[in-house]
PDB file of N, CA and C in Angstrom:
ATOM      1  N   THR A   1      72.095  95.182  82.815  1.00  0.00           N
ATOM      2  CA  THR A   1      70.793  95.695  82.438  1.00  0.00           C
ATOM      3  C   THR A   1      69.813  95.467  83.585  1.00  0.00           C
ATOM      4  N   VAL A   2      69.064  96.505  83.946  1.00  0.00           N
ATOM      5  CA  VAL A   2      68.037  96.376  84.985  1.00  0.00           C
ATOM      6  C   VAL A   2      66.897  95.537  84.401  1.00  0.00           C
ATOM      7  N   ILE A   3      66.599  94.407  85.057  1.00  0.00           N
ATOM      8  CA  ILE A   3      65.554  93.522  84.541  1.00  0.00           C
ATOM      9  C   ILE A   3      64.268  93.594  85.348  1.00  0.00           C
ATOM     10  N   LYS A   4      64.345  94.121  86.568  1.00  0.00           N
ATOM     11  CA  LYS A   4      63.128  94.234  87.368  1.00  0.00           C
ATOM     12  C   LYS A   4      63.320  95.287  88.443  1.00  0.00           C
ATOM     13  N   VAL A   5      62.270  96.043  88.665  1.00  0.00           N
ATOM     14  CA  VAL A   5      62.161  96.961  89.794  1.00  0.00           C
ATOM     15  C   VAL A   5      60.830  96.593  90.420  1.00  0.00           C
ATOM     16  N   GLY A   6      60.862  96.164  91.678  1.00  0.00           N
ATOM     17  CA  GLY A   6      59.630  95.670  92.259  1.00  0.00           C
ATOM     18  C   GLY A   6      59.558  95.814  93.759  1.00  0.00           C
ATOM     19  N   TRP A   7      58.563  95.141  94.318  1.00  0.00           N
ATOM     20  CA  TRP A   7      58.337  95.144  95.751  1.00  0.00           C
ATOM     21  C   TRP A   7      57.883  93.756  96.156  1.00  0.00           C
ATOM     22  N   GLU A   8      58.373  93.290  97.303  1.00  0.00           N
ATOM     23  CA  GLU A   8      57.870  92.046  97.897  1.00  0.00           C
ATOM     24  C   GLU A   8      57.781  92.250  99.395  1.00  0.00           C
ATOM     25  N   SER A   9      56.914  91.488 100.051  1.00  0.00           N
ATOM     26  CA  SER A   9      56.613  91.748 101.460  1.00  0.00           C
ATOM     27  C   SER A   9      57.836  91.671 102.370  1.00  0.00           C
ATOM     28  N   SER A  10      58.698  90.695 102.200  1.00  0.00           N
ATOM     29  CA  SER A  10      59.850  90.602 103.099  1.00  0.00           C
ATOM     30  C   SER A  10      61.028  91.455 102.643  1.00  0.00           C
ATOM     31  N   GLY A  11      61.256  91.557 101.351  1.00  0.00           N
ATOM     32  CA  GLY A  11      62.396  92.309 100.826  1.00  0.00           C
ATOM     33  C   GLY A  11      62.118  93.760 100.533  1.00  0.00           C
ATOM     34  N   GLY A  12      60.858  94.161 100.581  1.00  0.00           N
ATOM     35  CA  GLY A  12      60.521  95.550 100.298  1.00  0.00           C
ATOM     36  C   GLY A  12      60.814  95.930  98.865  1.00  0.00           C
ATOM     37  N   ASN A  13      61.166  97.182  98.649  1.00  0.00           N
ATOM     38  CA  ASN A  13      61.530  97.661  97.309  1.00  0.00           C
ATOM     39  C   ASN A  13      62.858  97.032  96.903  1.00  0.00           C
ATOM     40  N   TYR A  14      62.917  96.513  95.667  1.00  0.00           N
ATOM     41  CA  TYR A  14      64.167  95.919  95.217  1.00  0.00           C
ATOM     42  C   TYR A  14      64.398  96.175  93.738  1.00  0.00           C
ATOM     43  N   ILE A  15      65.657  95.998  93.349  1.00  0.00           N
ATOM     44  CA  ILE A  15      66.061  96.126  91.956  1.00  0.00           C
ATOM     45  C   ILE A  15      66.870  94.891  91.601  1.00  0.00           C
ATOM     46  N   ALA A  16      66.639  94.363  90.408  1.00  0.00           N
ATOM     47  CA  ALA A  16      67.371  93.196  89.914  1.00  0.00           C
ATOM     48  C   ALA A  16      68.134  93.595  88.658  1.00  0.00           C
ATOM     49  N   ILE A  17      69.399  93.174  88.594  1.00  0.00           N
ATOM     50  CA  ILE A  17      70.280  93.527  87.479  1.00  0.00           C
ATOM     51  C   ILE A  17      70.840  92.261  86.854  1.00  0.00           C
ATOM     52  N   ASP A  18      70.770  92.181  85.527  1.00  0.00           N
ATOM     53  CA  ASP A  18      71.346  91.063  84.768  1.00  0.00           C
ATOM     54  C   ASP A  18      72.747  91.461  84.339  1.00  0.00           C
ATOM     55  N   HIS A  19      73.742  90.659  84.756  1.00  0.00           N
ATOM     56  CA  HIS A  19      75.139  90.945  84.440  1.00  0.00           C
ATOM     57  C   HIS A  19      75.643  90.132  83.254  1.00  0.00           C
ATOM     58  N   GLY A  20      74.783  89.283  82.700  1.00  0.00           N
ATOM     59  CA  GLY A  20      75.186  88.413  81.599  1.00  0.00           C
ATOM     60  C   GLY A  20      75.762  87.110  82.138  1.00  0.00           C
ATOM     61  N   GLY A  21      75.853  86.108  81.304  1.00  0.00           N
ATOM     62  CA  GLY A  21      76.429  84.832  81.696  1.00  0.00           C
ATOM     63  C   GLY A  21      75.629  84.110  82.770  1.00  0.00           C
ATOM     64  N   GLY A  22      74.334  84.407  82.894  1.00  0.00           N
ATOM     65  CA  GLY A  22      73.496  83.752  83.894  1.00  0.00           C
ATOM     66  C   GLY A  22      73.593  84.352  85.281  1.00  0.00           C
ATOM     67  N   ILE A  23      74.332  85.468  85.433  1.00  0.00           N
ATOM     68  CA  ILE A  23      74.531  86.111  86.737  1.00  0.00           C
ATOM     69  C   ILE A  23      73.583  87.302  86.876  1.00  0.00           C
ATOM     70  N   THR A  24      72.811  87.309  87.967  1.00  0.00           N
ATOM     71  CA  THR A  24      71.966  88.456  88.303  1.00  0.00           C
ATOM     72  C   THR A  24      72.229  88.857  89.747  1.00  0.00           C
ATOM     73  N   SER A  25      71.983  90.126  90.043  1.00  0.00           N
ATOM     74  CA  SER A  25      72.100  90.607  91.423  1.00  0.00           C
ATOM     75  C   SER A  25      70.802  91.291  91.808  1.00  0.00           C
ATOM     76  N   ARG A  26      70.549  91.311  93.113  1.00  0.00           N
ATOM     77  CA  ARG A  26      69.377  92.012  93.646  1.00  0.00           C
ATOM     78  C   ARG A  26      69.792  92.811  94.870  1.00  0.00           C
ATOM     79  N   PHE A  27      69.193  93.982  94.999  1.00  0.00           N
ATOM     80  CA  PHE A  27      69.391  94.848  96.142  1.00  0.00           C
ATOM     81  C   PHE A  27      68.013  95.078  96.755  1.00  0.00           C
ATOM     82  N   TYR A  28      67.822  94.614  97.991  1.00  0.00           N
ATOM     83  CA  TYR A  28      66.529  94.675  98.669  1.00  0.00           C
ATOM     84  C   TYR A  28      66.489  95.781  99.738  1.00  0.00           C
ATOM     85  N   HIS A  29      65.290  96.153 100.169  1.00  0.00           N
ATOM     86  CA  HIS A  29      64.991  97.120 101.237  1.00  0.00           C
ATOM     87  C   HIS A  29      65.285  98.556 100.829  1.00  0.00           C
ATOM     88  N   CYS A  30      65.284  98.838  99.532  1.00  0.00           N
ATOM     89  CA  CYS A  30      65.616 100.179  99.035  1.00  0.00           C
ATOM     90  C   CYS A  30      64.567 101.211  99.452  1.00  0.00           C
ATOM     91  N   ASN A  31      65.045 102.396  99.814  1.00  0.00           N
ATOM     92  CA  ASN A  31      64.154 103.516 100.097  1.00  0.00           C
ATOM     93  C   ASN A  31      63.534 104.000  98.790  1.00  0.00           C
ATOM     94  N   SER A  32      64.385 104.219  97.798  1.00  0.00           N
ATOM     95  CA  SER A  32      63.919 104.593  96.462  1.00  0.00           C
ATOM     96  C   SER A  32      64.877 104.014  95.440  1.00  0.00           C
ATOM     97  N   ILE A  33      64.369 103.805  94.244  1.00  0.00           N
ATOM     98  CA  ILE A  33      65.159 103.201  93.176  1.00  0.00           C
ATOM     99  C   ILE A  33      65.317 104.229  92.062  1.00  0.00           C
ATOM    100  N   ILE A  34      66.564 104.428  91.659  1.00  0.00           N
ATOM    101  CA  ILE A  34      66.898 105.436  90.657  1.00  0.00           C
ATOM    102  C   ILE A  34      66.812 104.862  89.248  1.00  0.00           C
ATOM    103  N   ALA A  35      67.406 103.696  89.041  1.00  0.00           N
ATOM    104  CA  ALA A  35      67.471 103.091  87.713  1.00  0.00           C
ATOM    105  C   ALA A  35      66.094 102.574  87.289  1.00  0.00           C
ATOM    106  N   LYS A  36      65.880 102.510  86.013  1.00  0.00           N
ATOM    107  CA  LYS A  36      64.611 102.066  85.441  1.00  0.00           C
ATOM    108  C   LYS A  36      64.782 100.708  84.742  1.00  0.00           C
ATOM    109  N   LYS A  37      63.711  99.944  84.690  1.00  0.00           N
ATOM    110  CA  LYS A  37      63.727  98.664  83.992  1.00  0.00           C
ATOM    111  C   LYS A  37      64.170  98.891  82.549  1.00  0.00           C
ATOM    112  N   GLY A  38      65.105  98.042  82.088  1.00  0.00           N
ATOM    113  CA  GLY A  38      65.632  98.143  80.730  1.00  0.00           C
ATOM    114  C   GLY A  38      66.880  99.008  80.622  1.00  0.00           C
ATOM    115  N   GLN A  39      67.195  99.759  81.669  1.00  0.00           N
ATOM    116  CA  GLN A  39      68.357 100.646  81.650  1.00  0.00           C
ATOM    117  C   GLN A  39      69.646  99.847  81.768  1.00  0.00           C
ATOM    118  N   LYS A  40      70.638 100.217  80.975  1.00  0.00           N
ATOM    119  CA  LYS A  40      71.972  99.631  81.085  1.00  0.00           C
ATOM    120  C   LYS A  40      72.714 100.437  82.144  1.00  0.00           C
ATOM    121  N   VAL A  41      73.274  99.758  83.134  1.00  0.00           N
ATOM    122  CA  VAL A  41      74.009 100.435  84.200  1.00  0.00           C
ATOM    123  C   VAL A  41      75.455  99.968  84.196  1.00  0.00           C
ATOM    124  N   LYS A  42      76.313 100.807  84.754  1.00  0.00           N
ATOM    125  CA  LYS A  42      77.743 100.511  84.781  1.00  0.00           C
ATOM    126  C   LYS A  42      78.228 100.376  86.213  1.00  0.00           C
ATOM    127  N   LYS A  43      79.352  99.710  86.376  1.00  0.00           N
ATOM    128  CA  LYS A  43      80.009  99.558  87.666  1.00  0.00           C
ATOM    129  C   LYS A  43      80.157 100.926  88.330  1.00  0.00           C
ATOM    130  N   GLY A  44      79.735 101.020  89.594  1.00  0.00           N
ATOM    131  CA  GLY A  44      79.863 102.253  90.361  1.00  0.00           C
ATOM    132  C   GLY A  44      78.695 103.216  90.226  1.00  0.00           C
ATOM    133  N   GLU A  45      77.793 102.952  89.296  1.00  0.00           N
ATOM    134  CA  GLU A  45      76.640 103.831  89.095  1.00  0.00           C
ATOM    135  C   GLU A  45      75.591 103.608  90.181  1.00  0.00           C
ATOM    136  N   LYS A  46      75.016 104.690  90.702  1.00  0.00           N
ATOM    137  CA  LYS A  46      73.949 104.565  91.698  1.00  0.00           C
ATOM    138  C   LYS A  46      72.705 104.011  91.025  1.00  0.00           C
ATOM    139  N   VAL A  47      72.126 102.987  91.646  1.00  0.00           N
ATOM    140  CA  VAL A  47      70.890 102.411  91.115  1.00  0.00           C
ATOM    141  C   VAL A  47      69.737 102.566  92.089  1.00  0.00           C
ATOM    142  N   ALA A  48      70.046 102.768  93.387  1.00  0.00           N
ATOM    143  CA  ALA A  48      69.006 102.880  94.420  1.00  0.00           C
ATOM    144  C   ALA A  48      69.605 103.495  95.672  1.00  0.00           C
ATOM    145  N   TYR A  49      68.708 103.854  96.614  1.00  0.00           N
ATOM    146  CA  TYR A  49      69.129 104.365  97.915  1.00  0.00           C
ATOM    147  C   TYR A  49      68.742 103.375  99.001  1.00  0.00           C
ATOM    148  N   VAL A  50      69.636 103.187  99.946  1.00  0.00           N
ATOM    149  CA  VAL A  50      69.402 102.274 101.070  1.00  0.00           C
ATOM    150  C   VAL A  50      68.166 102.713 101.832  1.00  0.00           C
ATOM    151  N   GLY A  51      67.407 101.737 102.294  1.00  0.00           N
ATOM    152  CA  GLY A  51      66.194 102.067 103.029  1.00  0.00           C
ATOM    153  C   GLY A  51      65.855 101.017 104.069  1.00  0.00           C
ATOM    154  N   LYS A  52      64.598 101.028 104.462  1.00  0.00           N
ATOM    155  CA  LYS A  52      64.137 100.057 105.454  1.00  0.00           C
ATOM    156  C   LYS A  52      62.737  99.576 105.097  1.00  0.00           C
ATOM    157  N   THR A  53      62.542  99.262 103.803  1.00  0.00           N
ATOM    158  CA  THR A  53      61.254  98.745 103.354  1.00  0.00           C
ATOM    159  C   THR A  53      61.217  97.232 103.546  1.00  0.00           C
ATOM    160  N   GLY A  54      60.029  96.688 103.622  1.00  0.00           N
ATOM    161  CA  GLY A  54      59.883  95.252 103.855  1.00  0.00           C
ATOM    162  C   GLY A  54      59.997  94.941 105.333  1.00  0.00           C
ATOM    163  N   LYS A  55      60.345  93.713 105.645  1.00  0.00           N
ATOM    164  CA  LYS A  55      60.431  93.267 107.039  1.00  0.00           C
ATOM    165  C   LYS A  55      61.845  93.469 107.565  1.00  0.00           C
ATOM    166  N   VAL A  56      62.098  94.640 108.125  1.00  0.00           N
ATOM    167  CA  VAL A  56      63.408  94.994 108.672  1.00  0.00           C
ATOM    168  C   VAL A  56      63.214  95.813 109.946  1.00  0.00           C
ATOM    169  N   THR A  57      64.286  95.941 110.716  1.00  0.00           N
ATOM    170  CA  THR A  57      64.225  96.772 111.918  1.00  0.00           C
ATOM    171  C   THR A  57      65.018  98.056 111.757  1.00  0.00           C
ATOM    172  N   GLY A  58      65.755  98.179 110.666  1.00  0.00           N
ATOM    173  CA  GLY A  58      66.532  99.386 110.419  1.00  0.00           C
ATOM    174  C   GLY A  58      67.021  99.417 108.987  1.00  0.00           C
ATOM    175  N   ALA A  59      67.516 100.564 108.577  1.00  0.00           N
ATOM    176  CA  ALA A  59      67.990 100.744 107.207  1.00  0.00           C
ATOM    177  C   ALA A  59      69.227  99.902 106.936  1.00  0.00           C
ATOM    178  N   HIS A  60      69.210  99.201 105.830  1.00  0.00           N
ATOM    179  CA  HIS A  60      70.365  98.433 105.356  1.00  0.00           C
ATOM    180  C   HIS A  60      70.074  97.960 103.940  1.00  0.00           C
ATOM    181  N   VAL A  61      71.082  97.397 103.300  1.00  0.00           N
ATOM    182  CA  VAL A  61      70.882  96.788 101.990  1.00  0.00           C
ATOM    183  C   VAL A  61      71.093  95.280 102.121  1.00  0.00           C
ATOM    184  N   HIS A  62      70.214  94.534 101.522  1.00  0.00           N
ATOM    185  CA  HIS A  62      70.354  93.077 101.427  1.00  0.00           C
ATOM    186  C   HIS A  62      70.767  92.833  99.988  1.00  0.00           C
ATOM    187  N   PHE A  63      72.001  92.353  99.808  1.00  0.00           N
ATOM    188  CA  PHE A  63      72.586  92.140  98.493  1.00  0.00           C
ATOM    189  C   PHE A  63      72.613  90.650  98.214  1.00  0.00           C
ATOM    190  N   ALA A  64      72.129  90.244  97.058  1.00  0.00           N
ATOM    191  CA  ALA A  64      72.101  88.825  96.706  1.00  0.00           C
ATOM    192  C   ALA A  64      72.570  88.634  95.266  1.00  0.00           C
ATOM    193  N   ILE A  65      73.245  87.508  95.037  1.00  0.00           N
ATOM    194  CA  ILE A  65      73.683  87.121  93.690  1.00  0.00           C
ATOM    195  C   ILE A  65      73.031  85.779  93.353  1.00  0.00           C
ATOM    196  N   PHE A  66      72.609  85.661  92.106  1.00  0.00           N
ATOM    197  CA  PHE A  66      72.025  84.420  91.606  1.00  0.00           C
ATOM    198  C   PHE A  66      72.768  83.989  90.349  1.00  0.00           C
ATOM    199  N   LYS A  67      73.025  82.700  90.235  1.00  0.00           N
ATOM    200  CA  LYS A  67      73.627  82.137  89.023  1.00  0.00           C
ATOM    201  C   LYS A  67      72.626  81.150  88.456  1.00  0.00           C
ATOM    202  N   ASN A  68      72.186  81.414  87.246  1.00  0.00           N
ATOM    203  CA  ASN A  68      71.175  80.583  86.580  1.00  0.00           C
ATOM    204  C   ASN A  68      69.960  80.366  87.480  1.00  0.00           C
ATOM    205  N   GLY A  69      69.565  81.422  88.197  1.00  0.00           N
ATOM    206  CA  GLY A  69      68.369  81.386  89.027  1.00  0.00           C
ATOM    207  C   GLY A  69      68.550  80.842  90.429  1.00  0.00           C
ATOM    208  N   SER A  70      69.738  80.344  90.753  1.00  0.00           N
ATOM    209  CA  SER A  70      69.995  79.805  92.095  1.00  0.00           C
ATOM    210  C   SER A  70      70.855  80.767  92.904  1.00  0.00           C
ATOM    211  N   SER A  71      70.496  80.943  94.163  1.00  0.00           N
ATOM    212  CA  SER A  71      71.247  81.814  95.055  1.00  0.00           C
ATOM    213  C   SER A  71      72.652  81.260  95.277  1.00  0.00           C
ATOM    214  N   VAL A  72      73.659  82.130  95.201  1.00  0.00           N
ATOM    215  CA  VAL A  72      75.056  81.740  95.424  1.00  0.00           C
ATOM    216  C   VAL A  72      75.701  82.714  96.399  1.00  0.00           C
ATOM    217  N   ASN A  73      76.874  82.360  96.899  1.00  0.00           N
ATOM    218  CA  ASN A  73      77.598  83.215  97.836  1.00  0.00           C
ATOM    219  C   ASN A  73      78.078  84.475  97.113  1.00  0.00           C
ATOM    220  N   PRO A  74      77.594  85.657  97.505  1.00  0.00           N
ATOM    221  CA  PRO A  74      78.002  86.880  96.809  1.00  0.00           C
ATOM    222  C   PRO A  74      79.490  87.193  96.937  1.00  0.00           C
ATOM    223  N   LEU A  75      80.136  86.683  97.971  1.00  0.00           N
ATOM    224  CA  LEU A  75      81.569  86.943  98.127  1.00  0.00           C
ATOM    225  C   LEU A  75      82.399  86.326  97.008  1.00  0.00           C
ATOM    226  N   ASP A  76      81.836  85.348  96.295  1.00  0.00           N
ATOM    227  CA  ASP A  76      82.535  84.757  95.163  1.00  0.00           C
ATOM    228  C   ASP A  76      82.466  85.664  93.922  1.00  0.00           C
ATOM    229  N   TYR A  77      81.674  86.738  93.983  1.00  0.00           N
ATOM    230  CA  TYR A  77      81.449  87.598  92.825  1.00  0.00           C
ATOM    231  C   TYR A  77      81.785  89.059  93.041  1.00  0.00           C
ATOM    232  N   VAL A  78      82.226  89.433  94.219  1.00  0.00           N
ATOM    233  CA  VAL A  78      82.586  90.812  94.479  1.00  0.00           C
ATOM    234  C   VAL A  78      84.057  90.879  94.868  1.00  0.00           C
ATOM    235  N   LYS A  79      84.670  92.007  94.586  1.00  0.00           N
ATOM    236  CA  LYS A  79      86.066  92.211  94.937  1.00  0.00           C
ATOM    237  C   LYS A  79      86.163  92.535  96.418  1.00  0.00           C
ATOM    238  N   ARG A  80      86.978  91.786  97.117  1.00  0.00           N
ATOM    239  CA  ARG A  80      87.157  92.020  98.557  1.00  0.00           C
ATOM    240  C   ARG A  80      88.133  93.151  98.790  1.00  0.00           C
ATOM    241  N   PRO A  81      87.896  93.953  99.831  1.00  0.00           N
ATOM    242  CA  PRO A  81      88.821  95.058 100.119  1.00  0.00           C
ATOM    243  C   PRO A  81      90.201  94.523 100.495  1.00  0.00           C
ATOM    244  N   SER A  82      91.212  95.301 100.175  1.00  0.00           N
ATOM    245  CA  SER A  82      92.604  94.907 100.483  1.00  0.00           C
ATOM    246  C   SER A  82      92.894  95.057 101.965  1.00  0.00           C
TER     247      SER A  82
END
């Protein structure tokens, strides 16, 4: 579920998603955000477009995972390519 769509000075436009079990993700520096607050999203669904908002030198996505509000290593929560 999308829990926040916002803007901050360093991260620019961002979207936050609640995955349940205390796990949330954020995607920062978005050019535009497609999903709306309160929307239920599914794996593989587009939620935003990569951009260069906030304090950046070029377009990219800053992906972050939080567990119970604390930042954790996102590689522990995503499937690695074979």
